[in-house]
PDB file of N, CA and C in Angstrom:
ATOM      1  N   UNK A   1      57.097 -80.526 -11.062  1.00  0.00           N
ATOM      2  CA  UNK A   1      56.250 -81.102 -10.109  1.00  0.00           C
ATOM      3  C   UNK A   1      56.720 -82.528  -9.811  1.00  0.00           C
ATOM      4  N   UNK A   2      56.931 -82.776  -8.512  1.00  0.00           N
ATOM      5  CA  UNK A   2      57.480 -84.045  -8.100  1.00  0.00           C
ATOM      6  C   UNK A   2      56.359 -84.878  -7.404  1.00  0.00           C
ATOM      7  N   UNK A   3      56.324 -86.222  -7.792  1.00  0.00           N
ATOM      8  CA  UNK A   3      55.190 -87.084  -7.209  1.00  0.00           C
ATOM      9  C   UNK A   3      55.907 -87.833  -6.066  1.00  0.00           C
ATOM     10  N   UNK A   4      55.345 -87.846  -5.003  1.00  0.00           N
ATOM     11  CA  UNK A   4      55.919 -88.491  -3.841  1.00  0.00           C
ATOM     12  C   UNK A   4      55.505 -90.004  -3.843  1.00  0.00           C
ATOM     13  N   UNK A   5      56.424 -90.969  -3.671  1.00  0.00           N
ATOM     14  CA  UNK A   5      56.046 -92.370  -3.653  1.00  0.00           C
ATOM     15  C   UNK A   5      55.298 -92.722  -2.342  1.00  0.00           C
ATOM     16  N   UNK A   6      54.457 -93.715  -2.422  1.00  0.00           N
ATOM     17  CA  UNK A   6      53.807 -94.153  -1.270  1.00  0.00           C
ATOM     18  C   UNK A   6      54.745 -94.785  -0.322  1.00  0.00           C
ATOM     19  N   UNK A   7      54.380 -94.772   0.978  1.00  0.00           N
ATOM     20  CA  UNK A   7      55.287 -95.406   1.971  1.00  0.00           C
ATOM     21  C   UNK A   7      55.405 -96.988   1.646  1.00  0.00           C
ATOM     22  N   UNK A   8      56.447 -97.455   1.961  1.00  0.00           N
ATOM     23  CA  UNK A   8      56.723 -98.908   1.607  1.00  0.00           C
ATOM     24  C   UNK A   8      55.712 -99.853   2.280  1.00  0.00           C
ATOM     25  N   UNK A   9      55.233 -99.377   3.404  1.00  0.00           N
ATOM     26  CA  UNK A   9      54.320-100.293   4.193  1.00  0.00           C
ATOM     27  C   UNK A   9      53.019-100.512   3.335  1.00  0.00           C
ATOM     28  N   UNK A  10      52.628 -99.438   2.624  1.00  0.00           N
ATOM     29  CA  UNK A  10      51.314 -99.568   1.933  1.00  0.00           C
ATOM     30  C   UNK A  10      51.449-100.336   0.670  1.00  0.00           C
ATOM     31  N   UNK A  11      52.686-100.294  -0.031  1.00  0.00           N
ATOM     32  CA  UNK A  11      52.954-101.061  -1.213  1.00  0.00           C
ATOM     33  C   UNK A  11      53.095-102.464  -0.948  1.00  0.00           C
ATOM     34  N   UNK A  12      53.562-102.786   0.193  1.00  0.00           N
ATOM     35  CA  UNK A  12      53.755-104.297   0.595  1.00  0.00           C
ATOM     36  C   UNK A  12      52.498-104.871   1.119  1.00  0.00           C
ATOM     37  N   UNK A  13      51.564-104.190   1.456  1.00  0.00           N
ATOM     38  CA  UNK A  13      50.150-104.852   2.044  1.00  0.00           C
ATOM     39  C   UNK A  13      49.401-105.432   0.886  1.00  0.00           C
ATOM     40  N   UNK A  14      49.390-104.822  -0.348  1.00  0.00           N
ATOM     41  CA  UNK A  14      48.793-105.494  -1.393  1.00  0.00           C
ATOM     42  C   UNK A  14      49.520-106.727  -1.890  1.00  0.00           C
ATOM     43  N   UNK A  15      50.847-106.758  -1.805  1.00  0.00           N
ATOM     44  CA  UNK A  15      51.469-107.951  -2.150  1.00  0.00           C
ATOM     45  C   UNK A  15      51.182-109.094  -1.069  1.00  0.00           C
ATOM     46  N   UNK A  16      51.217-108.700   0.083  1.00  0.00           N
ATOM     47  CA  UNK A  16      50.837-109.656   1.251  1.00  0.00           C
ATOM     48  C   UNK A  16      49.432-110.214   1.078  1.00  0.00           C
ATOM     49  N   UNK A  17      48.468-109.363   0.729  1.00  0.00           N
ATOM     50  CA  UNK A  17      47.042-109.898   0.532  1.00  0.00           C
ATOM     51  C   UNK A  17      47.042-110.780  -0.710  1.00  0.00           C
ATOM     52  N   UNK A  18      47.697-110.557  -1.787  1.00  0.00           N
ATOM     53  CA  UNK A  18      47.718-111.439  -2.902  1.00  0.00           C
ATOM     54  C   UNK A  18      48.469-112.803  -2.581  1.00  0.00           C
ATOM     55  N   UNK A  19      49.527-112.686  -1.816  1.00  0.00           N
ATOM     56  CA  UNK A  19      50.185-113.923  -1.367  1.00  0.00           C
ATOM     57  C   UNK A  19      49.315-114.749  -0.499  1.00  0.00           C
ATOM     58  N   UNK A  20      48.581-114.230   0.443  1.00  0.00           N
ATOM     59  CA  UNK A  20      47.672-114.989   1.308  1.00  0.00           C
ATOM     60  C   UNK A  20      46.527-115.581   0.463  1.00  0.00           C
ATOM     61  N   UNK A  21      46.056-114.795  -0.460  1.00  0.00           N
ATOM     62  CA  UNK A  21      44.998-115.407  -1.305  1.00  0.00           C
ATOM     63  C   UNK A  21      45.488-116.614  -2.225  1.00  0.00           C
ATOM     64  N   UNK A  22      46.749-116.527  -2.665  1.00  0.00           N
ATOM     65  CA  UNK A  22      47.322-117.549  -3.486  1.00  0.00           C
ATOM     66  C   UNK A  22      47.524-118.778  -2.591  1.00  0.00           C
ATOM     67  N   UNK A  23      47.889-118.482  -1.329  1.00  0.00           N
ATOM     68  CA  UNK A  23      48.157-119.595  -0.325  1.00  0.00           C
ATOM     69  C   UNK A  23      46.862-120.420  -0.038  1.00  0.00           C
ATOM     70  N   UNK A  24      45.849-119.621   0.190  1.00  0.00           N
ATOM     71  CA  UNK A  24      44.521-120.174   0.437  1.00  0.00           C
ATOM     72  C   UNK A  24      43.957-121.029  -0.839  1.00  0.00           C
ATOM     73  N   UNK A  25      44.116-120.531  -1.913  1.00  0.00           N
ATOM     74  CA  UNK A  25      43.747-121.156  -3.130  1.00  0.00           C
ATOM     75  C   UNK A  25      44.649-122.502  -3.314  1.00  0.00           C
ATOM     76  N   UNK A  26      45.888-122.410  -2.988  1.00  0.00           N
ATOM     77  CA  UNK A  26      46.692-123.550  -3.160  1.00  0.00           C
ATOM     78  C   UNK A  26      46.322-124.729  -2.157  1.00  0.00           C
ATOM     79  N   UNK A  27      45.942-124.298  -0.813  1.00  0.00           N
ATOM     80  CA  UNK A  27      45.609-125.057   0.203  1.00  0.00           C
ATOM     81  C   UNK A  27      44.239-125.875  -0.113  1.00  0.00           C
ATOM     82  N   UNK A  28      43.294-125.056  -0.767  1.00  0.00           N
ATOM     83  CA  UNK A  28      42.085-125.596  -1.175  1.00  0.00           C
ATOM     84  C   UNK A  28      42.182-126.571  -2.360  1.00  0.00           C
ATOM     85  N   UNK A  29      43.065-126.367  -3.208  1.00  0.00           N
ATOM     86  CA  UNK A  29      43.333-127.244  -4.375  1.00  0.00           C
ATOM     87  C   UNK A  29      43.953-128.551  -3.885  1.00  0.00           C
ATOM     88  N   UNK A  30      44.997-128.431  -2.906  1.00  0.00           N
ATOM     89  CA  UNK A  30      45.619-129.592  -2.397  1.00  0.00           C
ATOM     90  C   UNK A  30      44.583-130.415  -1.653  1.00  0.00           C
ATOM     91  N   UNK A  31      43.705-129.786  -0.831  1.00  0.00           N
ATOM     92  CA  UNK A  31      42.706-130.661   0.006  1.00  0.00           C
ATOM     93  C   UNK A  31      41.845-131.223  -0.996  1.00  0.00           C
ATOM     94  N   UNK A  32      41.390-130.544  -2.032  1.00  0.00           N
ATOM     95  CA  UNK A  32      40.538-131.127  -3.052  1.00  0.00           C
ATOM     96  C   UNK A  32      41.095-132.328  -3.733  1.00  0.00           C
ATOM     97  N   UNK A  33      42.320-132.178  -4.086  1.00  0.00           N
ATOM     98  CA  UNK A  33      43.044-133.276  -4.749  1.00  0.00           C
ATOM     99  C   UNK A  33      43.162-134.584  -3.913  1.00  0.00           C
ATOM    100  N   UNK A  34      43.450-134.324  -2.498  1.00  0.00           N
ATOM    101  CA  UNK A  34      43.630-135.458  -1.674  1.00  0.00           C
ATOM    102  C   UNK A  34      42.240-136.129  -1.427  1.00  0.00           C
ATOM    103  N   UNK A  35      41.072-135.297  -1.337  1.00  0.00           N
ATOM    104  CA  UNK A  35      39.800-135.914  -1.195  1.00  0.00           C
ATOM    105  C   UNK A  35      39.379-136.723  -2.437  1.00  0.00           C
ATOM    106  N   UNK A  36      39.691-136.280  -3.572  1.00  0.00           N
ATOM    107  CA  UNK A  36      39.397-136.957  -4.815  1.00  0.00           C
ATOM    108  C   UNK A  36      40.158-138.325  -4.971  1.00  0.00           C
ATOM    109  N   UNK A  37      41.449-138.323  -4.561  1.00  0.00           N
ATOM    110  CA  UNK A  37      42.254-139.431  -4.508  1.00  0.00           C
ATOM    111  C   UNK A  37      41.620-140.524  -3.542  1.00  0.00           C
ATOM    112  N   UNK A  38      41.193-140.096  -2.325  1.00  0.00           N
ATOM    113  CA  UNK A  38      40.569-140.980  -1.344  1.00  0.00           C
ATOM    114  C   UNK A  38      39.211-141.604  -1.931  1.00  0.00           C
ATOM    115  N   UNK A  39      38.460-140.737  -2.469  1.00  0.00           N
ATOM    116  CA  UNK A  39      37.273-141.134  -3.166  1.00  0.00           C
ATOM    117  C   UNK A  39      37.524-142.195  -4.299  1.00  0.00           C
ATOM    118  N   UNK A  40      38.579-141.948  -4.992  1.00  0.00           N
ATOM    119  CA  UNK A  40      38.888-142.899  -6.092  1.00  0.00           C
ATOM    120  C   UNK A  40      39.299-144.179  -5.489  1.00  0.00           C
ATOM    121  N   UNK A  41      40.060-144.238  -4.430  1.00  0.00           N
ATOM    122  CA  UNK A  41      40.386-145.450  -3.858  1.00  0.00           C
ATOM    123  C   UNK A  41      39.247-146.255  -3.232  1.00  0.00           C
ATOM    124  N   UNK A  42      38.263-145.501  -2.671  1.00  0.00           N
ATOM    125  CA  UNK A  42      37.164-146.171  -2.109  1.00  0.00           C
ATOM    126  C   UNK A  42      36.259-146.745  -3.194  1.00  0.00           C
ATOM    127  N   UNK A  43      36.164-146.008  -4.293  1.00  0.00           N
ATOM    128  CA  UNK A  43      35.428-146.563  -5.493  1.00  0.00           C
ATOM    129  C   UNK A  43      36.057-147.738  -6.156  1.00  0.00           C
ATOM    130  N   UNK A  44      37.418-147.787  -6.116  1.00  0.00           N
ATOM    131  CA  UNK A  44      38.071-148.984  -6.593  1.00  0.00           C
ATOM    132  C   UNK A  44      37.861-150.213  -5.602  1.00  0.00           C
ATOM    133  N   UNK A  45      37.792-149.918  -4.365  1.00  0.00           N
ATOM    134  CA  UNK A  45      37.541-151.066  -3.361  1.00  0.00           C
ATOM    135  C   UNK A  45      36.047-151.589  -3.570  1.00  0.00           C
ATOM    136  N   UNK A  46      35.098-150.658  -3.741  1.00  0.00           N
ATOM    137  CA  UNK A  46      33.727-151.107  -3.898  1.00  0.00           C
ATOM    138  C   UNK A  46      33.623-151.898  -5.198  1.00  0.00           C
ATOM    139  N   UNK A  47      34.279-151.447  -6.220  1.00  0.00           N
ATOM    140  CA  UNK A  47      34.132-152.139  -7.530  1.00  0.00           C
ATOM    141  C   UNK A  47      34.749-153.512  -7.401  1.00  0.00           C
ATOM    142  N   UNK A  48      35.900-153.709  -6.748  1.00  0.00           N
ATOM    143  CA  UNK A  48      36.433-154.999  -6.533  1.00  0.00           C
ATOM    144  C   UNK A  48      35.489-155.942  -5.774  1.00  0.00           C
ATOM    145  N   UNK A  49      34.908-155.414  -4.739  1.00  0.00           N
ATOM    146  CA  UNK A  49      33.911-156.139  -3.946  1.00  0.00           C
ATOM    147  C   UNK A  49      32.685-156.655  -4.916  1.00  0.00           C
ATOM    148  N   UNK A  50      32.269-155.696  -5.648  1.00  0.00           N
ATOM    149  CA  UNK A  50      31.203-156.038  -6.540  1.00  0.00           C
ATOM    150  C   UNK A  50      31.517-157.047  -7.591  1.00  0.00           C
ATOM    151  N   UNK A  51      32.732-157.010  -8.084  1.00  0.00           N
ATOM    152  CA  UNK A  51      33.174-157.971  -9.142  1.00  0.00           C
ATOM    153  C   UNK A  51      33.360-159.254  -8.406  1.00  0.00           C
ATOM    154  N   UNK A  52      33.837-159.411  -7.099  1.00  0.00           N
ATOM    155  CA  UNK A  52      34.028-160.540  -6.556  1.00  0.00           C
ATOM    156  C   UNK A  52      32.632-161.157  -6.194  1.00  0.00           C
ATOM    157  N   UNK A  53      31.698-160.389  -5.847  1.00  0.00           N
ATOM    158  CA  UNK A  53      30.289-160.938  -5.633  1.00  0.00           C
ATOM    159  C   UNK A  53      29.627-161.573  -6.907  1.00  0.00           C
ATOM    160  N   UNK A  54      30.044-161.028  -8.129  1.00  0.00           N
ATOM    161  CA  UNK A  54      29.463-161.457  -9.353  1.00  0.00           C
ATOM    162  C   UNK A  54      30.265-162.499  -9.914  1.00  0.00           C
ATOM    163  N   UNK A  55      31.487-162.916  -9.515  1.00  0.00           N
ATOM    164  CA  UNK A  55      32.302-163.899  -9.988  1.00  0.00           C
ATOM    165  C   UNK A  55      31.780-165.246  -9.636  1.00  0.00           C
ATOM    166  N   UNK A  56      31.427-166.146 -10.569  1.00  0.00           N
ATOM    167  CA  UNK A  56      30.927-167.361 -10.234  1.00  0.00           C
ATOM    168  C   UNK A  56      31.828-168.292  -9.463  1.00  0.00           C
ATOM    169  N   UNK A  57      33.101-168.124  -9.582  1.00  0.00           N
ATOM    170  CA  UNK A  57      34.050-168.949  -8.739  1.00  0.00           C
ATOM    171  C   UNK A  57      33.891-168.630  -7.177  1.00  0.00           C
ATOM    172  N   UNK A  58      33.505-167.552  -6.860  1.00  0.00           N
ATOM    173  CA  UNK A  58      33.360-167.090  -5.476  1.00  0.00           C
ATOM    174  C   UNK A  58      31.838-167.290  -4.970  1.00  0.00           C
ATOM    175  N   UNK A  59      30.965-167.805  -5.751  1.00  0.00           N
ATOM    176  CA  UNK A  59      29.645-167.940  -5.318  1.00  0.00           C
ATOM    177  C   UNK A  59      29.514-169.319  -4.573  1.00  0.00           C
ATOM    178  N   UNK A  60      28.659-169.310  -3.456  1.00  0.00           N
ATOM    179  CA  UNK A  60      28.432-170.542  -2.727  1.00  0.00           C
ATOM    180  C   UNK A  60      27.954-171.656  -3.629  1.00  0.00           C
ATOM    181  N   UNK A  61      28.291-172.782  -3.418  1.00  0.00           N
ATOM    182  CA  UNK A  61      27.717-173.910  -4.330  1.00  0.00           C
ATOM    183  C   UNK A  61      26.669-174.483  -3.685  1.00  0.00           C
ATOM    184  N   UNK A  62      25.637-174.922  -4.478  1.00  0.00           N
ATOM    185  CA  UNK A  62      24.487-175.576  -4.030  1.00  0.00           C
ATOM    186  C   UNK A  62      24.836-177.041  -3.634  1.00  0.00           C
ATOM    187  N   UNK A  63      24.325-177.448  -2.479  1.00  0.00           N
ATOM    188  CA  UNK A  63      24.645-178.885  -1.974  1.00  0.00           C
ATOM    189  C   UNK A  63      23.592-179.805  -2.491  1.00  0.00           C
ATOM    190  N   UNK A  64      22.626-179.416  -3.198  1.00  0.00           N
ATOM    191  CA  UNK A  64      21.591-180.310  -3.617  1.00  0.00           C
ATOM    192  C   UNK A  64      20.360-180.408  -2.743  1.00  0.00           C
ATOM    193  N   UNK A  65      19.445-181.193  -3.118  1.00  0.00           N
ATOM    194  CA  UNK A  65      18.224-181.308  -2.304  1.00  0.00           C
ATOM    195  C   UNK A  65      18.417-181.852  -0.903  1.00  0.00           C
ATOM    196  N   UNK A  66      17.811-181.415   0.018  1.00  0.00           N
ATOM    197  CA  UNK A  66      18.025-182.031   1.306  1.00  0.00           C
ATOM    198  C   UNK A  66      16.892-183.028   1.605  1.00  0.00           C
ATOM    199  N   UNK A  67      17.135-184.122   2.031  1.00  0.00           N
ATOM    200  CA  UNK A  67      16.044-185.122   2.277  1.00  0.00           C
ATOM    201  C   UNK A  67      15.459-184.933   3.641  1.00  0.00           C
ATOM    202  N   UNK A  68      14.148-184.695   3.690  1.00  0.00           N
ATOM    203  CA  UNK A  68      13.480-184.514   4.963  1.00  0.00           C
ATOM    204  C   UNK A  68      12.770-185.756   5.293  1.00  0.00           C
ATOM    205  N   UNK A  69      13.050-186.306   6.467  1.00  0.00           N
ATOM    206  CA  UNK A  69      12.456-187.680   6.792  1.00  0.00           C
ATOM    207  C   UNK A  69      10.811-187.529   6.932  1.00  0.00           C
ATOM    208  N   UNK A  70      10.249-188.500   6.511  1.00  0.00           N
ATOM    209  CA  UNK A  70       8.726-188.535   6.605  1.00  0.00           C
ATOM    210  C   UNK A  70       8.470-188.572   8.058  1.00  0.00           C
ATOM    211  N   UNK A  71       7.357-187.939   8.432  1.00  0.00           N
ATOM    212  CA  UNK A  71       6.828-188.015   9.817  1.00  0.00           C
ATOM    213  C   UNK A  71       6.334-189.482  10.165  1.00  0.00           C
ATOM    214  N   UNK A  72       6.696-189.867  11.282  1.00  0.00           N
ATOM    215  CA  UNK A  72       6.301-191.207  11.811  1.00  0.00           C
ATOM    216  C   UNK A  72       4.928-191.112  12.565  1.00  0.00           C
ATOM    217  N   UNK A  73       4.174-192.045  12.462  1.00  0.00           N
ATOM    218  CA  UNK A  73       2.868-192.087  13.122  1.00  0.00           C
ATOM    219  C   UNK A  73       3.171-192.340  14.707  1.00  0.00           C
ATOM    220  N   UNK A  74       2.504-191.492  15.461  1.00  0.00           N
ATOM    221  CA  UNK A  74       2.740-191.644  16.989  1.00  0.00           C
ATOM    222  C   UNK A  74       2.260-192.958  17.284  1.00  0.00           C
ATOM    223  N   UNK A  75       2.821-193.609  18.386  1.00  0.00           N
ATOM    224  CA  UNK A  75       2.277-194.756  18.924  1.00  0.00           C
ATOM    225  C   UNK A  75       0.730-194.767  19.320  1.00  0.00           C
ATOM    226  N   UNK A  76      -0.001-195.700  19.142  1.00  0.00           N
ATOM    227  CA  UNK A  76      -1.326-195.823  19.536  1.00  0.00           C
ATOM    228  C   UNK A  76      -1.465-195.887  21.076  1.00  0.00           C
ATOM    229  N   UNK A  77      -2.486-195.182  21.488  1.00  0.00           N
ATOM    230  CA  UNK A  77      -2.716-195.178  22.989  1.00  0.00           C
ATOM    231  C   UNK A  77      -3.200-196.594  23.409  1.00  0.00           C
ATOM    232  N   UNK A  78      -2.887-197.016  24.567  1.00  0.00           N
ATOM    233  CA  UNK A  78      -3.276-198.294  25.097  1.00  0.00           C
ATOM    234  C   UNK A  78      -4.332-198.249  26.160  1.00  0.00           C
TER     235      UNK A  78
END
């Protein structure tokens, strides 16, 4: 009894499906990696801004009390 092999077209379609799925998975992984890298950069920028805000060297200095002149009495009506 002789078993006939499947036509080459059918054997190649499974390989093609697997290759397409691997390509899609690789594309998703690369996109995910890029997004994570961008988020990490944004987080570093936010952290730097926060540290700059907390640094006393960058805080505005108080200029001291401001002297407010005393109100003067209006001139008396004549």
